[in-house]
Amino acid sequence: MSQGTLEVLLVGAKGLENSDFLCNMDPYVTLRCRTQEQKSSVASGKGTEPEWNETFVFTISDGVSKLDLKILDSDTGSEDDLVGEVSIPLEPLFVEGSLPPTSYNVVKNQEYCGEIRVGLTFTPDAEASGYRGYSEQEETYGGWKESS
């Protein structure tokens, strides 16, 4: 499996469902990768078209298969409202190494409620990516290399 560093570029969102009836909502995003959780800044008053342009870094270990995002509306004096959620599979990222900012559908109660743009970069650990069987050790074993 894959071990290394996941860099998430949280660009912005559009077409979100406004959960505040009287004013623009103040959206923010929680990013969760297994047990690690991070939170974006609050896009105060940005409503249904927020932009963050923030980068988050996660340490990836074996068995991590997805990145979960939750968009919430920050409310003063009451519980924050869930705007929607996205689950991004990481397997294509492990193959490609990086994915440019891409729009993912935001869903709430199994219904489409907007899009979020996220860019992803995966950097494998040096030990994990340096593993190429035994070829490197075989070449230098005994202090000589066979000529071809």
C-alpha atoms as a PDB file:
ATOM      1  CA  MET A   1       0.000   0.000   0.000  1.00  0.00           C
ATOM      2  CA  SER A   2       0.992   3.655   0.077  1.00  0.00           C
ATOM      3  CA  GLN A   3       2.807   5.580   2.764  1.00  0.00           C
ATOM      4  CA  GLY A   4       3.819   9.205   2.521  1.00  0.00           C
ATOM      5  CA  THR A   5       2.478  12.733   2.601  1.00  0.00           C
ATOM      6  CA  LEU A   6      -0.864  13.898   1.248  1.00  0.00           C
ATOM      7  CA  GLU A   7      -1.078  17.581   0.382  1.00  0.00           C
ATOM      8  CA  VAL A   8      -4.595  18.913  -0.073  1.00  0.00           C
ATOM      9  CA  LEU A   9      -5.228  22.252  -1.801  1.00  0.00           C
ATOM     10  CA  LEU A  10      -8.701  23.405  -0.801  1.00  0.00           C
ATOM     11  CA  VAL A  11      -9.585  25.873  -3.573  1.00  0.00           C
ATOM     12  CA  GLY A  12     -13.252  26.767  -3.135  1.00  0.00           C
ATOM     13  CA  ALA A  13     -16.844  25.715  -3.662  1.00  0.00           C
ATOM     14  CA  LYS A  14     -19.785  26.804  -5.777  1.00  0.00           C
ATOM     15  CA  GLY A  15     -23.491  26.213  -5.997  1.00  0.00           C
ATOM     16  CA  LEU A  16     -23.771  25.343  -2.316  1.00  0.00           C
ATOM     17  CA  GLU A  17     -27.167  25.317  -0.689  1.00  0.00           C
ATOM     18  CA  ASN A  18     -27.493  28.344   1.582  1.00  0.00           C
ATOM     19  CA  SER A  19     -28.333  27.182   5.092  1.00  0.00           C
ATOM     20  CA  ASP A  20     -28.778  30.741   6.421  1.00  0.00           C
ATOM     21  CA  PHE A  21     -32.106  32.240   5.412  1.00  0.00           C
ATOM     22  CA  LEU A  22     -31.515  35.839   6.482  1.00  0.00           C
ATOM     23  CA  CYS A  23     -27.882  36.359   5.462  1.00  0.00           C
ATOM     24  CA  ASN A  24     -24.971  34.778   3.641  1.00  0.00           C
ATOM     25  CA  MET A  25     -23.602  31.690   5.327  1.00  0.00           C
ATOM     26  CA  ASP A  26     -20.057  31.478   6.690  1.00  0.00           C
ATOM     27  CA  PRO A  27     -18.763  28.153   5.340  1.00  0.00           C
ATOM     28  CA  TYR A  28     -15.709  26.218   6.460  1.00  0.00           C
ATOM     29  CA  VAL A  29     -14.451  22.713   5.744  1.00  0.00           C
ATOM     30  CA  THR A  30     -13.277  19.905   7.997  1.00  0.00           C
ATOM     31  CA  LEU A  31     -10.865  17.521   6.284  1.00  0.00           C
ATOM     32  CA  ARG A  32     -10.502  14.023   7.694  1.00  0.00           C
ATOM     33  CA  CYS A  33      -8.051  11.340   6.692  1.00  0.00           C
ATOM     34  CA  ARG A  34      -8.676   8.337   8.942  1.00  0.00           C
ATOM     35  CA  THR A  35      -7.905   9.691  12.456  1.00  0.00           C
ATOM     36  CA  GLN A  36      -6.319  12.995  11.369  1.00  0.00           C
ATOM     37  CA  GLU A  37      -8.646  15.974  11.158  1.00  0.00           C
ATOM     38  CA  GLN A  38      -7.981  19.559  10.121  1.00  0.00           C
ATOM     39  CA  LYS A  39     -10.192  22.581   9.675  1.00  0.00           C
ATOM     40  CA  SER A  40     -10.117  25.404   7.145  1.00  0.00           C
ATOM     41  CA  SER A  41     -10.651  29.038   7.987  1.00  0.00           C
ATOM     42  CA  VAL A  42     -14.219  30.351   7.955  1.00  0.00           C
ATOM     43  CA  ALA A  43     -15.098  32.121   4.691  1.00  0.00           C
ATOM     44  CA  SER A  44     -17.102  34.826   6.492  1.00  0.00           C
ATOM     45  CA  GLY A  45     -20.084  36.071   4.516  1.00  0.00           C
ATOM     46  CA  LYS A  46     -18.984  34.283   1.346  1.00  0.00           C
ATOM     47  CA  GLY A  47     -22.270  32.398   1.063  1.00  0.00           C
ATOM     48  CA  THR A  48     -22.658  29.744  -1.617  1.00  0.00           C
ATOM     49  CA  GLU A  49     -19.420  30.571  -3.539  1.00  0.00           C
ATOM     50  CA  PRO A  50     -16.633  30.491  -0.900  1.00  0.00           C
ATOM     51  CA  GLU A  51     -12.919  30.498  -1.715  1.00  0.00           C
ATOM     52  CA  TRP A  52     -10.254  29.285   0.679  1.00  0.00           C
ATOM     53  CA  ASN A  53      -7.053  28.574  -1.300  1.00  0.00           C
ATOM     54  CA  GLU A  54      -5.573  26.808   1.727  1.00  0.00           C
ATOM     55  CA  THR A  55      -3.191  23.862   1.869  1.00  0.00           C
ATOM     56  CA  PHE A  56      -3.368  21.008   4.370  1.00  0.00           C
ATOM     57  CA  VAL A  57      -0.849  18.205   4.918  1.00  0.00           C
ATOM     58  CA  PHE A  58      -1.667  14.696   6.144  1.00  0.00           C
ATOM     59  CA  THR A  59       0.596  11.747   6.890  1.00  0.00           C
ATOM     60  CA  ILE A  60      -0.616   8.723   4.964  1.00  0.00           C
ATOM     61  CA  SER A  61      -0.113   5.185   6.249  1.00  0.00           C
ATOM     62  CA  ASP A  62      -1.116   1.797   4.898  1.00  0.00           C
ATOM     63  CA  GLY A  63      -4.824   1.261   4.482  1.00  0.00           C
ATOM     64  CA  VAL A  64      -5.869   4.893   3.957  1.00  0.00           C
ATOM     65  CA  SER A  65      -8.243   4.861   0.999  1.00  0.00           C
ATOM     66  CA  LYS A  66     -10.193   8.131   1.137  1.00  0.00           C
ATOM     67  CA  LEU A  67     -10.281  11.746   2.222  1.00  0.00           C
ATOM     68  CA  ASP A  68     -13.538  12.955   3.764  1.00  0.00           C
ATOM     69  CA  LEU A  69     -14.600  16.592   3.566  1.00  0.00           C
ATOM     70  CA  LYS A  70     -17.499  18.180   5.406  1.00  0.00           C
ATOM     71  CA  ILE A  71     -18.685  21.683   4.569  1.00  0.00           C
ATOM     72  CA  LEU A  72     -20.287  23.390   7.537  1.00  0.00           C
ATOM     73  CA  ASP A  73     -21.839  26.791   8.114  1.00  0.00           C
ATOM     74  CA  SER A  74     -20.368  28.540  11.138  1.00  0.00           C
ATOM     75  CA  ASP A  75     -23.207  29.816  13.340  1.00  0.00           C
ATOM     76  CA  THR A  76     -22.785  31.982  16.402  1.00  0.00           C
ATOM     77  CA  GLY A  77     -24.890  30.879  19.336  1.00  0.00           C
ATOM     78  CA  SER A  78     -26.090  27.609  17.803  1.00  0.00           C
ATOM     79  CA  GLU A  79     -24.660  24.412  16.407  1.00  0.00           C
ATOM     80  CA  ASP A  80     -22.957  24.735  13.023  1.00  0.00           C
ATOM     81  CA  ASP A  81     -25.113  23.530  10.118  1.00  0.00           C
ATOM     82  CA  LEU A  82     -23.960  20.731   7.828  1.00  0.00           C
ATOM     83  CA  VAL A  83     -23.973  22.032   4.245  1.00  0.00           C
ATOM     84  CA  GLY A  84     -22.768  18.807   2.619  1.00  0.00           C
ATOM     85  CA  GLU A  85     -20.106  16.118   2.424  1.00  0.00           C
ATOM     86  CA  VAL A  86     -17.625  14.665  -0.064  1.00  0.00           C
ATOM     87  CA  SER A  87     -15.604  11.468   0.084  1.00  0.00           C
ATOM     88  CA  ILE A  88     -12.625  11.453  -2.297  1.00  0.00           C
ATOM     89  CA  PRO A  89     -11.068   8.072  -3.134  1.00  0.00           C
ATOM     90  CA  LEU A  90      -7.261   8.264  -2.929  1.00  0.00           C
ATOM     91  CA  GLU A  91      -6.341   5.223  -5.056  1.00  0.00           C
ATOM     92  CA  PRO A  92      -6.143   7.246  -8.340  1.00  0.00           C
ATOM     93  CA  LEU A  93      -3.876   9.734  -6.535  1.00  0.00           C
ATOM     94  CA  PHE A  94      -1.479   6.989  -5.409  1.00  0.00           C
ATOM     95  CA  VAL A  95      -1.178   5.935  -9.065  1.00  0.00           C
ATOM     96  CA  GLU A  96      -0.863   9.429 -10.597  1.00  0.00           C
ATOM     97  CA  GLY A  97       1.083  11.209  -7.830  1.00  0.00           C
ATOM     98  CA  SER A  98      -0.946  14.398  -8.162  1.00  0.00           C
ATOM     99  CA  LEU A  99      -4.390  15.453  -9.308  1.00  0.00           C
ATOM    100  CA  PRO A 100      -4.987  19.070 -10.400  1.00  0.00           C
ATOM    101  CA  PRO A 101      -7.819  21.016  -8.736  1.00  0.00           C
ATOM    102  CA  THR A 102     -10.919  19.007  -9.579  1.00  0.00           C
ATOM    103  CA  SER A 103     -14.590  19.599  -8.784  1.00  0.00           C
ATOM    104  CA  TYR A 104     -16.266  16.998  -6.599  1.00  0.00           C
ATOM    105  CA  ASN A 105     -20.004  16.788  -5.973  1.00  0.00           C
ATOM    106  CA  VAL A 106     -21.130  17.844  -2.508  1.00  0.00           C
ATOM    107  CA  VAL A 107     -23.913  15.628  -1.177  1.00  0.00           C
ATOM    108  CA  LYS A 108     -26.316  15.956   1.734  1.00  0.00           C
ATOM    109  CA  ASN A 109     -28.950  13.291   2.459  1.00  0.00           C
ATOM    110  CA  GLN A 110     -27.950  11.605  -0.832  1.00  0.00           C
ATOM    111  CA  GLU A 111     -28.837  14.743  -2.805  1.00  0.00           C
ATOM    112  CA  TYR A 112     -26.498  16.948  -4.854  1.00  0.00           C
ATOM    113  CA  CYS A 113     -25.998  20.346  -3.229  1.00  0.00           C
ATOM    114  CA  GLY A 114     -23.017  21.980  -4.940  1.00  0.00           C
ATOM    115  CA  GLU A 115     -19.377  21.390  -5.835  1.00  0.00           C
ATOM    116  CA  ILE A 116     -16.040  21.752  -4.096  1.00  0.00           C
ATOM    117  CA  ARG A 117     -12.681  22.155  -5.870  1.00  0.00           C
ATOM    118  CA  VAL A 118      -9.739  20.285  -4.401  1.00  0.00           C
ATOM    119  CA  GLY A 119      -6.221  19.607  -5.683  1.00  0.00           C
ATOM    120  CA  LEU A 120      -4.257  16.631  -4.339  1.00  0.00           C
ATOM    121  CA  THR A 121      -0.567  15.721  -4.281  1.00  0.00           C
ATOM    122  CA  PHE A 122       0.900  12.522  -2.863  1.00  0.00           C
ATOM    123  CA  THR A 123       4.597  12.243  -2.007  1.00  0.00           C
ATOM    124  CA  PRO A 124       5.669   8.694  -1.105  1.00  0.00           C
ATOM    125  CA  ASP A 125       8.015   8.155   1.835  1.00  0.00           C
ATOM    126  CA  ALA A 126      11.647   7.841   0.781  1.00  0.00           C
ATOM    127  CA  GLU A 127      11.925   4.342   2.236  1.00  0.00           C
ATOM    128  CA  ALA A 128       8.668   3.213   0.623  1.00  0.00           C
ATOM    129  CA  SER A 129       9.434   4.679  -2.804  1.00  0.00           C
ATOM    130  CA  GLY A 130      13.119   3.691  -2.701  1.00  0.00           C
ATOM    131  CA  TYR A 131      12.207   0.041  -2.408  1.00  0.00           C
ATOM    132  CA  ARG A 132      12.935  -1.636  -5.740  1.00  0.00           C
ATOM    133  CA  GLY A 133      13.353  -5.240  -4.660  1.00  0.00           C
ATOM    134  CA  TYR A 134      16.992  -6.068  -3.968  1.00  0.00           C
ATOM    135  CA  SER A 135      18.495  -4.596  -7.140  1.00  0.00           C
ATOM    136  CA  GLU A 136      20.319  -1.674  -5.485  1.00  0.00           C
ATOM    137  CA  GLN A 137      21.882  -3.913  -2.846  1.00  0.00           C
ATOM    138  CA  GLU A 138      22.847  -6.539  -5.423  1.00  0.00           C
ATOM    139  CA  GLU A 139      24.637  -4.000  -7.615  1.00  0.00           C
ATOM    140  CA  THR A 140      26.919  -2.776  -4.846  1.00  0.00           C
ATOM    141  CA  TYR A 141      27.321  -6.058  -2.967  1.00  0.00           C
ATOM    142  CA  GLY A 142      31.005  -6.894  -2.630  1.00  0.00           C
ATOM    143  CA  GLY A 143      32.077  -3.443  -3.877  1.00  0.00           C
ATOM    144  CA  TRP A 144      31.961  -4.238  -7.620  1.00  0.00           C
ATOM    145  CA  LYS A 145      29.521  -4.018 -10.498  1.00  0.00           C
ATOM    146  CA  GLU A 146      29.330  -6.346 -13.423  1.00  0.00           C
ATOM    147  CA  SER A 147      30.020  -4.663 -16.723  1.00  0.00           C
ATOM    148  CA  SER A 148      27.437  -5.137 -19.417  1.00  0.00           C
END
